[in-house]
Amino acid sequence: MSVKRQFGTPERATDMAGQSVAGHTILHANSLQRGAWLALEDGVATVIQVKRGEVWISEEGSFIDHILVAGQHYAIDRPGVAIVSMQSEAHVAMHLPTDGMPPRRIDLHAAGNGKGYRLYQRTAIDSMVAFLRAGFAWLPAMSAQQRPHSSGQLHQWARRKRSQLSRIVVRNALRFIKRACAAPARAV
């Protein structure tokens, strides 16, 4: 059994349709024996691709299990623990999401001894980047009319946005402080 991690490899990772995906993170688990299993915690949008063999996927909170054979893939669609069990010797690739939160962790449990190995652990910076992406996802894109056409216009636009953001942050901080400092009313 071997495990390999790729980050937008020189041969370029490809998605399921064969499109090139820059910066895509892929974990490969090669030569997994029958009876071995992977546990993915909070792996929503992680795609499990079977390169060789047969696997059985069961997700926490779902009454539907999925059996995949070589050439098939499945995207984890709910939070919680997902178990990927090898039904025959298998080679599995796990495509971690590029937009959402990566899985909390991925553990491999070998056949026979049941001893677990940590293949992947989400870092604090992964969580922070995903949080910031989600926080700014609500911002509407600029239309062609709104887009600054000179450096002076760009500077004015950035100054306006910065002051708007500053007002929002100060207003919310003051609300929080007022709520935190407000003493509960007492009956006399």
N, C-alpha and C. Protein backbone atom coordinates (compact mmCIF):
# COMPACT_ATOMS: atom_id res chain seq x y z
N MET A 1 0.85 -1.18 0.00
CA MET A 1 0.00 0.00 0.00
C MET A 1 0.89 1.23 0.00
N SER A 2 0.56 2.19 -0.82
CA SER A 2 1.29 3.45 -0.81
C SER A 2 0.30 4.59 -0.92
N VAL A 3 0.69 5.73 -0.36
CA VAL A 3 -0.17 6.91 -0.40
C VAL A 3 0.65 8.04 -0.96
N LYS A 4 0.07 8.81 -1.88
CA LYS A 4 0.78 9.90 -2.53
C LYS A 4 -0.13 11.11 -2.56
N ARG A 5 0.43 12.30 -2.34
CA ARG A 5 -0.34 13.53 -2.37
C ARG A 5 0.18 14.41 -3.49
N GLN A 6 -0.74 14.90 -4.34
CA GLN A 6 -0.36 15.75 -5.46
C GLN A 6 -0.95 17.14 -5.26
N PHE A 7 -0.22 18.16 -5.65
CA PHE A 7 -0.73 19.53 -5.67
C PHE A 7 -0.56 20.07 -7.07
N GLY A 8 -1.61 20.01 -7.89
CA GLY A 8 -1.51 20.53 -9.25
C GLY A 8 -0.23 20.03 -9.91
N THR A 9 -0.09 18.75 -10.04
CA THR A 9 1.14 18.11 -10.47
C THR A 9 1.58 18.58 -11.86
N PRO A 10 2.85 18.34 -12.22
CA PRO A 10 3.33 18.76 -13.53
C PRO A 10 2.49 18.20 -14.67
N GLU A 11 1.98 16.96 -14.51
CA GLU A 11 1.13 16.44 -15.57
C GLU A 11 -0.28 17.00 -15.46
N ARG A 12 -0.51 17.86 -14.51
CA ARG A 12 -1.76 18.57 -14.27
C ARG A 12 -2.89 17.61 -13.92
N ALA A 13 -3.43 17.82 -12.76
CA ALA A 13 -4.57 17.02 -12.33
C ALA A 13 -5.74 17.29 -13.25
N THR A 14 -6.59 16.30 -13.44
CA THR A 14 -7.75 16.49 -14.30
C THR A 14 -9.01 16.16 -13.52
N ASP A 15 -10.09 16.86 -13.85
CA ASP A 15 -11.36 16.54 -13.22
C ASP A 15 -11.98 15.35 -13.94
N MET A 16 -13.19 14.98 -13.55
CA MET A 16 -13.80 13.77 -14.08
C MET A 16 -14.06 13.85 -15.58
N ALA A 17 -14.22 15.05 -16.12
CA ALA A 17 -14.49 15.19 -17.55
C ALA A 17 -13.19 15.35 -18.34
N GLY A 18 -12.05 15.27 -17.66
CA GLY A 18 -10.77 15.40 -18.34
C GLY A 18 -10.32 16.84 -18.46
N GLN A 19 -11.01 17.77 -17.80
CA GLN A 19 -10.61 19.18 -17.83
C GLN A 19 -9.45 19.38 -16.85
N SER A 20 -8.54 20.26 -17.20
CA SER A 20 -7.41 20.51 -16.33
C SER A 20 -7.83 21.39 -15.16
N VAL A 21 -7.32 21.07 -13.99
CA VAL A 21 -7.68 21.79 -12.77
C VAL A 21 -6.40 22.24 -12.10
N ALA A 22 -6.13 23.54 -12.14
CA ALA A 22 -4.90 24.06 -11.53
C ALA A 22 -5.08 24.13 -10.02
N GLY A 23 -4.04 23.77 -9.27
CA GLY A 23 -4.07 23.89 -7.82
C GLY A 23 -4.96 22.86 -7.14
N HIS A 24 -5.37 21.84 -7.84
CA HIS A 24 -6.26 20.81 -7.31
C HIS A 24 -5.45 19.87 -6.44
N THR A 25 -5.95 19.51 -5.26
CA THR A 25 -5.25 18.60 -4.37
C THR A 25 -5.86 17.21 -4.49
N ILE A 26 -5.01 16.23 -4.74
CA ILE A 26 -5.47 14.86 -4.90
C ILE A 26 -4.67 13.96 -3.96
N LEU A 27 -5.37 13.10 -3.23
CA LEU A 27 -4.72 12.07 -2.43
C LEU A 27 -4.94 10.74 -3.12
N HIS A 28 -3.86 9.99 -3.37
CA HIS A 28 -3.96 8.67 -3.98
C HIS A 28 -3.68 7.63 -2.92
N ALA A 29 -4.50 6.60 -2.87
CA ALA A 29 -4.25 5.45 -2.02
C ALA A 29 -4.16 4.25 -2.95
N ASN A 30 -2.94 3.72 -3.11
CA ASN A 30 -2.68 2.63 -4.06
C ASN A 30 -2.66 1.28 -3.35
N SER A 31 -3.03 0.26 -4.07
CA SER A 31 -2.93 -1.13 -3.60
C SER A 31 -3.55 -1.34 -2.23
N LEU A 32 -4.76 -0.86 -2.03
CA LEU A 32 -5.47 -1.10 -0.78
C LEU A 32 -6.07 -2.49 -0.82
N GLN A 33 -5.84 -3.28 0.21
CA GLN A 33 -6.31 -4.65 0.25
C GLN A 33 -7.80 -4.72 0.56
N ARG A 34 -8.42 -5.83 0.19
CA ARG A 34 -9.82 -6.07 0.51
C ARG A 34 -9.98 -6.02 2.02
N GLY A 35 -10.97 -5.29 2.49
CA GLY A 35 -11.22 -5.16 3.93
C GLY A 35 -10.65 -3.87 4.52
N ALA A 36 -9.74 -3.21 3.82
CA ALA A 36 -9.23 -1.92 4.29
C ALA A 36 -10.33 -0.87 4.11
N TRP A 37 -10.29 0.20 4.91
CA TRP A 37 -11.30 1.24 4.76
C TRP A 37 -10.74 2.62 5.10
N LEU A 38 -11.34 3.63 4.45
CA LEU A 38 -10.99 5.02 4.67
C LEU A 38 -12.12 5.69 5.43
N ALA A 39 -11.79 6.55 6.37
CA ALA A 39 -12.80 7.33 7.09
C ALA A 39 -12.54 8.80 6.78
N LEU A 40 -13.52 9.47 6.15
CA LEU A 40 -13.42 10.89 5.84
C LEU A 40 -14.36 11.63 6.77
N GLU A 41 -13.85 12.55 7.55
CA GLU A 41 -14.70 13.32 8.46
C GLU A 41 -14.97 14.70 7.87
N ASP A 42 -16.24 15.04 7.76
CA ASP A 42 -16.69 16.33 7.20
C ASP A 42 -16.07 16.58 5.84
N GLY A 43 -16.17 15.61 4.95
CA GLY A 43 -15.56 15.70 3.62
C GLY A 43 -16.54 16.10 2.54
N VAL A 44 -17.46 17.02 2.83
CA VAL A 44 -18.44 17.44 1.83
C VAL A 44 -17.71 17.96 0.59
N ALA A 45 -18.14 17.53 -0.59
CA ALA A 45 -17.61 17.91 -1.90
C ALA A 45 -16.29 17.22 -2.24
N THR A 46 -15.81 16.31 -1.39
CA THR A 46 -14.64 15.52 -1.73
C THR A 46 -15.10 14.44 -2.71
N VAL A 47 -14.38 14.31 -3.82
CA VAL A 47 -14.76 13.33 -4.84
C VAL A 47 -13.89 12.08 -4.68
N ILE A 48 -14.55 10.94 -4.55
CA ILE A 48 -13.87 9.65 -4.47
C ILE A 48 -13.89 9.05 -5.87
N GLN A 49 -12.72 8.78 -6.42
CA GLN A 49 -12.61 8.21 -7.76
C GLN A 49 -11.93 6.85 -7.65
N VAL A 50 -12.56 5.83 -8.18
CA VAL A 50 -12.00 4.48 -8.14
C VAL A 50 -11.22 4.25 -9.43
N LYS A 51 -9.92 4.05 -9.30
CA LYS A 51 -9.06 3.79 -10.46
C LYS A 51 -9.03 2.31 -10.79
N ARG A 52 -9.07 1.48 -9.71
CA ARG A 52 -9.02 0.03 -9.89
C ARG A 52 -9.74 -0.60 -8.71
N GLY A 53 -10.47 -1.69 -8.96
CA GLY A 53 -11.13 -2.41 -7.89
C GLY A 53 -12.57 -1.99 -7.68
N GLU A 54 -13.09 -2.28 -6.47
CA GLU A 54 -14.48 -2.01 -6.12
C GLU A 54 -14.53 -1.49 -4.70
N VAL A 55 -15.31 -0.42 -4.46
CA VAL A 55 -15.43 0.15 -3.11
C VAL A 55 -16.91 0.33 -2.75
N TRP A 56 -17.16 0.37 -1.46
CA TRP A 56 -18.50 0.58 -0.92
C TRP A 56 -18.43 1.84 -0.08
N ILE A 57 -19.28 2.83 -0.38
CA ILE A 57 -19.28 4.11 0.32
C ILE A 57 -20.55 4.23 1.15
N SER A 58 -20.39 4.54 2.42
CA SER A 58 -21.52 4.73 3.33
C SER A 58 -21.31 6.05 4.06
N GLU A 59 -22.34 6.93 4.05
CA GLU A 59 -22.24 8.24 4.69
C GLU A 59 -23.12 8.30 5.93
N GLU A 60 -22.63 8.98 6.94
CA GLU A 60 -23.40 9.19 8.17
C GLU A 60 -24.66 10.00 7.84
N GLY A 61 -25.80 9.55 8.34
CA GLY A 61 -27.05 10.26 8.13
C GLY A 61 -27.74 9.93 6.82
N SER A 62 -27.19 9.00 6.04
CA SER A 62 -27.80 8.62 4.76
C SER A 62 -28.19 7.15 4.81
N PHE A 63 -29.35 6.84 4.31
CA PHE A 63 -29.76 5.44 4.28
C PHE A 63 -29.42 4.79 2.95
N ILE A 64 -28.74 5.51 2.07
CA ILE A 64 -28.33 4.99 0.76
C ILE A 64 -26.82 4.79 0.76
N ASP A 65 -26.36 3.61 0.42
CA ASP A 65 -24.94 3.32 0.25
C ASP A 65 -24.65 3.25 -1.24
N HIS A 66 -23.39 3.43 -1.59
CA HIS A 66 -22.99 3.45 -3.00
C HIS A 66 -21.86 2.45 -3.21
N ILE A 67 -21.98 1.65 -4.25
CA ILE A 67 -20.92 0.72 -4.64
C ILE A 67 -20.36 1.22 -5.97
N LEU A 68 -19.04 1.46 -5.98
CA LEU A 68 -18.37 1.97 -7.18
C LEU A 68 -17.37 0.96 -7.67
N VAL A 69 -17.22 0.88 -8.99
CA VAL A 69 -16.20 0.04 -9.60
C VAL A 69 -15.23 0.94 -10.36
N ALA A 70 -14.19 0.34 -10.89
CA ALA A 70 -13.15 1.11 -11.59
C ALA A 70 -13.76 2.04 -12.63
N GLY A 71 -13.31 3.29 -12.62
CA GLY A 71 -13.77 4.29 -13.58
C GLY A 71 -14.93 5.14 -13.08
N GLN A 72 -15.53 4.78 -11.94
CA GLN A 72 -16.64 5.56 -11.41
C GLN A 72 -16.15 6.50 -10.31
N HIS A 73 -16.97 7.52 -10.02
CA HIS A 73 -16.64 8.46 -8.97
C HIS A 73 -17.91 8.88 -8.24
N TYR A 74 -17.72 9.43 -7.01
CA TYR A 74 -18.85 9.88 -6.20
C TYR A 74 -18.38 11.06 -5.36
N ALA A 75 -19.21 12.10 -5.27
CA ALA A 75 -18.90 13.27 -4.44
C ALA A 75 -19.65 13.14 -3.12
N ILE A 76 -18.93 13.22 -2.02
CA ILE A 76 -19.54 13.17 -0.69
C ILE A 76 -20.48 14.36 -0.58
N ASP A 77 -21.73 14.13 -0.16
CA ASP A 77 -22.71 15.22 -0.19
C ASP A 77 -23.28 15.61 1.17
N ARG A 78 -22.70 15.12 2.26
CA ARG A 78 -23.21 15.51 3.58
C ARG A 78 -22.08 15.52 4.60
N PRO A 79 -22.22 16.37 5.64
CA PRO A 79 -21.20 16.39 6.68
C PRO A 79 -21.28 15.12 7.53
N GLY A 80 -20.29 14.92 8.35
CA GLY A 80 -20.23 13.71 9.18
C GLY A 80 -19.14 12.80 8.66
N VAL A 81 -19.19 11.56 9.07
CA VAL A 81 -18.17 10.59 8.68
C VAL A 81 -18.66 9.78 7.48
N ALA A 82 -17.82 9.66 6.49
CA ALA A 82 -18.09 8.80 5.33
C ALA A 82 -17.05 7.68 5.35
N ILE A 83 -17.52 6.45 5.19
CA ILE A 83 -16.64 5.29 5.18
C ILE A 83 -16.54 4.76 3.75
N VAL A 84 -15.30 4.59 3.28
CA VAL A 84 -15.04 4.01 1.97
C VAL A 84 -14.36 2.67 2.22
N SER A 85 -15.09 1.58 2.00
CA SER A 85 -14.62 0.24 2.29
C SER A 85 -14.21 -0.47 1.01
N MET A 86 -13.03 -1.09 1.01
CA MET A 86 -12.52 -1.78 -0.17
C MET A 86 -13.15 -3.17 -0.25
N GLN A 87 -13.85 -3.45 -1.34
CA GLN A 87 -14.47 -4.76 -1.53
C GLN A 87 -13.56 -5.71 -2.30
N SER A 88 -12.53 -5.15 -2.92
CA SER A 88 -11.47 -5.92 -3.58
C SER A 88 -10.23 -5.04 -3.52
N GLU A 89 -9.08 -5.58 -3.96
CA GLU A 89 -7.88 -4.74 -3.97
C GLU A 89 -8.18 -3.52 -4.85
N ALA A 90 -7.89 -2.33 -4.33
CA ALA A 90 -8.33 -1.12 -5.03
C ALA A 90 -7.26 -0.03 -5.02
N HIS A 91 -7.39 0.86 -5.98
CA HIS A 91 -6.61 2.10 -6.06
C HIS A 91 -7.65 3.22 -6.10
N VAL A 92 -7.60 4.12 -5.11
CA VAL A 92 -8.60 5.18 -4.96
C VAL A 92 -7.91 6.53 -4.98
N ALA A 93 -8.51 7.49 -5.69
CA ALA A 93 -8.02 8.87 -5.68
C ALA A 93 -9.10 9.73 -5.02
N MET A 94 -8.68 10.60 -4.11
CA MET A 94 -9.62 11.51 -3.44
C MET A 94 -9.29 12.93 -3.87
N HIS A 95 -10.22 13.58 -4.57
CA HIS A 95 -10.05 14.95 -5.03
C HIS A 95 -10.65 15.87 -3.98
N LEU A 96 -9.79 16.61 -3.28
CA LEU A 96 -10.27 17.50 -2.23
C LEU A 96 -10.89 18.75 -2.86
N PRO A 97 -11.94 19.31 -2.24
CA PRO A 97 -12.61 20.47 -2.84
C PRO A 97 -11.69 21.68 -2.91
N THR A 98 -11.83 22.45 -3.99
CA THR A 98 -11.02 23.66 -4.14
C THR A 98 -11.77 24.88 -3.63
N ASP A 99 -13.10 24.85 -3.59
CA ASP A 99 -13.86 26.02 -3.18
C ASP A 99 -14.32 25.97 -1.74
N GLY A 100 -14.77 24.84 -1.28
CA GLY A 100 -15.32 24.75 0.07
C GLY A 100 -14.27 24.36 1.09
N MET A 101 -14.75 23.91 2.22
CA MET A 101 -13.89 23.48 3.31
C MET A 101 -13.34 22.08 3.01
N PRO A 102 -12.03 21.87 3.15
CA PRO A 102 -11.49 20.52 2.94
C PRO A 102 -11.92 19.61 4.09
N PRO A 103 -11.81 18.30 3.93
CA PRO A 103 -12.21 17.40 5.01
C PRO A 103 -11.42 17.68 6.29
N ARG A 104 -12.07 17.42 7.43
CA ARG A 104 -11.38 17.61 8.72
C ARG A 104 -10.19 16.66 8.81
N ARG A 105 -10.41 15.40 8.44
CA ARG A 105 -9.31 14.44 8.40
C ARG A 105 -9.72 13.24 7.56
N ILE A 106 -8.70 12.53 7.08
CA ILE A 106 -8.91 11.28 6.34
C ILE A 106 -7.98 10.25 6.98
N ASP A 107 -8.58 9.15 7.45
CA ASP A 107 -7.81 8.07 8.07
C ASP A 107 -7.94 6.82 7.23
N LEU A 108 -6.85 6.04 7.16
CA LEU A 108 -6.85 4.76 6.48
C LEU A 108 -6.68 3.67 7.52
N HIS A 109 -7.58 2.69 7.50
CA HIS A 109 -7.51 1.55 8.41
C HIS A 109 -7.20 0.31 7.57
N ALA A 110 -6.05 -0.30 7.85
CA ALA A 110 -5.59 -1.44 7.06
C ALA A 110 -6.44 -2.67 7.35
N ALA A 111 -6.47 -3.57 6.38
CA ALA A 111 -7.19 -4.84 6.56
C ALA A 111 -6.44 -5.70 7.56
N GLY A 112 -7.17 -6.47 8.32
CA GLY A 112 -6.54 -7.40 9.26
C GLY A 112 -6.31 -6.80 10.63
N ASN A 113 -5.26 -5.98 10.78
CA ASN A 113 -4.93 -5.46 12.10
C ASN A 113 -5.81 -4.27 12.50
N GLY A 114 -6.47 -3.63 11.54
CA GLY A 114 -7.37 -2.51 11.86
C GLY A 114 -6.65 -1.25 12.31
N LYS A 115 -5.31 -1.27 12.28
CA LYS A 115 -4.54 -0.11 12.72
C LYS A 115 -4.77 1.05 11.76
N GLY A 116 -5.00 2.24 12.30
CA GLY A 116 -5.29 3.40 11.48
C GLY A 116 -4.09 4.28 11.23
N TYR A 117 -4.07 4.90 10.06
CA TYR A 117 -3.03 5.85 9.67
C TYR A 117 -3.71 7.15 9.24
N ARG A 118 -3.18 8.27 9.67
CA ARG A 118 -3.73 9.56 9.26
C ARG A 118 -3.14 9.93 7.92
N LEU A 119 -4.01 10.04 6.89
CA LEU A 119 -3.56 10.43 5.56
C LEU A 119 -3.59 11.94 5.38
N TYR A 120 -4.56 12.58 6.01
CA TYR A 120 -4.75 14.02 5.79
C TYR A 120 -5.36 14.63 7.05
N GLN A 121 -4.89 15.81 7.41
CA GLN A 121 -5.45 16.57 8.54
C GLN A 121 -5.60 18.02 8.09
N ARG A 122 -6.81 18.55 8.22
CA ARG A 122 -7.05 19.95 7.84
C ARG A 122 -6.26 20.85 8.78
N THR A 123 -5.60 21.85 8.22
CA THR A 123 -4.83 22.79 9.02
C THR A 123 -5.66 24.02 9.32
N ALA A 124 -5.19 24.83 10.26
CA ALA A 124 -5.90 26.05 10.62
C ALA A 124 -5.97 27.01 9.45
N ILE A 125 -4.92 27.07 8.63
CA ILE A 125 -4.92 27.99 7.50
C ILE A 125 -5.95 27.55 6.46
N ASP A 126 -6.15 26.22 6.27
CA ASP A 126 -7.19 25.74 5.35
C ASP A 126 -8.56 26.22 5.81
N SER A 127 -8.80 26.12 7.12
CA SER A 127 -10.09 26.55 7.68
C SER A 127 -10.28 28.05 7.50
N MET A 128 -9.23 28.83 7.74
CA MET A 128 -9.32 30.28 7.63
C MET A 128 -9.58 30.70 6.18
N VAL A 129 -8.89 30.09 5.24
CA VAL A 129 -9.09 30.44 3.83
C VAL A 129 -10.51 30.11 3.40
N ALA A 130 -11.01 28.95 3.79
CA ALA A 130 -12.39 28.57 3.43
C ALA A 130 -13.39 29.52 4.08
N PHE A 131 -13.14 29.93 5.33
CA PHE A 131 -14.02 30.86 6.03
C PHE A 131 -14.05 32.21 5.31
N LEU A 132 -12.89 32.72 4.91
CA LEU A 132 -12.84 34.00 4.22
C LEU A 132 -13.50 33.93 2.85
N ARG A 133 -13.30 32.83 2.13
CA ARG A 133 -13.96 32.68 0.83
C ARG A 133 -15.47 32.69 0.99
N ALA A 134 -15.96 31.99 2.00
CA ALA A 134 -17.41 31.95 2.24
C ALA A 134 -17.92 33.31 2.66
N GLY A 135 -17.15 34.05 3.44
CA GLY A 135 -17.56 35.37 3.92
C GLY A 135 -17.68 36.40 2.81
N PHE A 136 -16.83 36.28 1.79
CA PHE A 136 -16.85 37.25 0.71
C PHE A 136 -17.62 36.76 -0.51
N ALA A 137 -18.20 35.57 -0.43
CA ALA A 137 -18.94 35.02 -1.56
C ALA A 137 -20.20 35.83 -1.86
N TRP A 138 -20.74 36.53 -0.86
CA TRP A 138 -21.99 37.29 -1.06
C TRP A 138 -21.74 38.58 -1.83
N LEU A 139 -20.49 39.03 -1.93
CA LEU A 139 -20.20 40.27 -2.63
C LEU A 139 -20.54 40.14 -4.11
N PRO A 140 -21.35 41.03 -4.65
CA PRO A 140 -21.67 40.93 -6.07
C PRO A 140 -20.47 41.33 -6.93
N ALA A 141 -20.40 40.74 -8.09
CA ALA A 141 -19.33 41.08 -9.02
C ALA A 141 -19.59 42.47 -9.59
N MET A 142 -18.52 43.18 -9.96
CA MET A 142 -18.66 44.51 -10.55
C MET A 142 -19.10 44.41 -12.00
N SER A 143 -20.05 45.23 -12.38
CA SER A 143 -20.45 45.26 -13.79
C SER A 143 -19.45 46.11 -14.56
N ALA A 144 -19.53 46.08 -15.88
CA ALA A 144 -18.60 46.85 -16.71
C ALA A 144 -18.73 48.35 -16.45
N GLN A 145 -19.96 48.83 -16.12
CA GLN A 145 -20.15 50.26 -15.86
C GLN A 145 -19.51 50.66 -14.53
N GLN A 146 -19.48 49.76 -13.56
CA GLN A 146 -18.92 50.07 -12.25
C GLN A 146 -17.40 49.96 -12.23
N ARG A 147 -16.83 49.21 -13.16
CA ARG A 147 -15.40 48.94 -13.15
C ARG A 147 -14.61 50.22 -13.42
N PRO A 148 -13.64 50.53 -12.57
CA PRO A 148 -12.83 51.73 -12.78
C PRO A 148 -12.00 51.61 -14.06
N HIS A 149 -11.87 52.74 -14.77
CA HIS A 149 -11.14 52.73 -16.04
C HIS A 149 -9.77 53.39 -15.93
N SER A 150 -9.47 54.01 -14.81
CA SER A 150 -8.15 54.61 -14.63
C SER A 150 -7.69 54.33 -13.20
N SER A 151 -6.40 54.59 -12.97
CA SER A 151 -5.87 54.34 -11.62
C SER A 151 -6.49 55.28 -10.60
N GLY A 152 -6.84 56.51 -11.00
CA GLY A 152 -7.51 57.44 -10.08
C GLY A 152 -8.88 56.94 -9.68
N GLN A 153 -9.63 56.44 -10.66
CA GLN A 153 -10.95 55.88 -10.35
C GLN A 153 -10.83 54.64 -9.47
N LEU A 154 -9.82 53.81 -9.76
CA LEU A 154 -9.61 52.62 -8.95
C LEU A 154 -9.29 53.01 -7.51
N HIS A 155 -8.47 54.02 -7.33
CA HIS A 155 -8.11 54.49 -5.99
C HIS A 155 -9.35 55.00 -5.24
N GLN A 156 -10.20 55.79 -5.92
CA GLN A 156 -11.42 56.30 -5.30
C GLN A 156 -12.37 55.16 -4.94
N TRP A 157 -12.50 54.20 -5.85
CA TRP A 157 -13.38 53.06 -5.59
C TRP A 157 -12.90 52.27 -4.36
N ALA A 158 -11.57 52.02 -4.29
CA ALA A 158 -11.01 51.27 -3.16
C ALA A 158 -11.21 52.05 -1.86
N ARG A 159 -11.04 53.37 -1.89
CA ARG A 159 -11.23 54.20 -0.69
C ARG A 159 -12.69 54.12 -0.21
N ARG A 160 -13.66 54.19 -1.16
CA ARG A 160 -15.08 54.09 -0.80
C ARG A 160 -15.38 52.73 -0.16
N LYS A 161 -14.90 51.67 -0.79
CA LYS A 161 -15.15 50.32 -0.26
C LYS A 161 -14.52 50.15 1.12
N ARG A 162 -13.31 50.66 1.30
CA ARG A 162 -12.63 50.56 2.58
C ARG A 162 -13.40 51.30 3.67
N SER A 163 -13.90 52.50 3.34
CA SER A 163 -14.65 53.26 4.35
C SER A 163 -15.98 52.58 4.65
N GLN A 164 -16.64 52.00 3.63
CA GLN A 164 -17.88 51.27 3.88
C GLN A 164 -17.63 50.08 4.80
N LEU A 165 -16.58 49.34 4.52
CA LEU A 165 -16.24 48.18 5.34
C LEU A 165 -15.88 48.61 6.76
N SER A 166 -15.14 49.71 6.90
CA SER A 166 -14.77 50.21 8.22
C SER A 166 -16.00 50.59 9.02
N ARG A 167 -16.97 51.27 8.38
CA ARG A 167 -18.20 51.63 9.09
C ARG A 167 -18.95 50.40 9.55
N ILE A 168 -19.03 49.39 8.71
CA ILE A 168 -19.74 48.16 9.08
C ILE A 168 -19.05 47.48 10.26
N VAL A 169 -17.72 47.39 10.22
CA VAL A 169 -16.98 46.73 11.30
C VAL A 169 -17.15 47.50 12.61
N VAL A 170 -17.02 48.82 12.57
CA VAL A 170 -17.16 49.63 13.79
C VAL A 170 -18.58 49.51 14.34
N ARG A 171 -19.58 49.59 13.46
CA ARG A 171 -20.98 49.49 13.91
C ARG A 171 -21.24 48.15 14.59
N ASN A 172 -20.77 47.07 13.98
CA ASN A 172 -20.98 45.75 14.56
C ASN A 172 -20.20 45.57 15.86
N ALA A 173 -19.00 46.14 15.93
CA ALA A 173 -18.21 46.05 17.17
C ALA A 173 -18.90 46.80 18.29
N LEU A 174 -19.45 47.99 17.99
CA LEU A 174 -20.16 48.74 19.02
C LEU A 174 -21.41 48.00 19.50
N ARG A 175 -22.14 47.39 18.58
CA ARG A 175 -23.31 46.60 18.97
C ARG A 175 -22.91 45.46 19.89
N PHE A 176 -21.83 44.79 19.54
CA PHE A 176 -21.36 43.67 20.36
C PHE A 176 -20.96 44.15 21.76
N ILE A 177 -20.23 45.26 21.83
CA ILE A 177 -19.79 45.80 23.13
C ILE A 177 -20.99 46.22 23.97
N LYS A 178 -21.98 46.88 23.36
CA LYS A 178 -23.17 47.30 24.10
C LYS A 178 -23.90 46.10 24.66
N ARG A 179 -24.05 45.04 23.84
CA ARG A 179 -24.74 43.84 24.33
C ARG A 179 -23.95 43.16 25.44
N ALA A 180 -22.63 43.13 25.31
CA ALA A 180 -21.80 42.46 26.30
C ALA A 180 -21.77 43.22 27.62
N CYS A 181 -21.81 44.54 27.54
CA CYS A 181 -21.72 45.36 28.75
C CYS A 181 -23.07 45.65 29.40
N ALA A 182 -24.14 45.40 28.70
CA ALA A 182 -25.47 45.69 29.25
C ALA A 182 -25.73 44.77 30.43
N ALA A 183 -26.06 45.38 31.54
CA ALA A 183 -26.36 44.59 32.74
C ALA A 183 -27.80 44.10 32.66
N PRO A 184 -28.05 42.88 33.08
CA PRO A 184 -29.42 42.39 33.05
C PRO A 184 -30.29 43.19 34.04
N ALA A 185 -31.54 43.41 33.67
CA ALA A 185 -32.46 44.15 34.55
C ALA A 185 -32.76 43.31 35.78
N ARG A 186 -32.79 43.98 36.95
CA ARG A 186 -33.06 43.27 38.21
C ARG A 186 -34.40 43.73 38.78
N ALA A 187 -35.09 42.77 39.31
CA ALA A 187 -36.37 43.11 39.97
C ALA A 187 -36.06 43.69 41.35
N VAL A 188 -36.74 44.77 41.72
CA VAL A 188 -36.49 45.41 43.03
C VAL A 188 -37.45 44.94 44.06
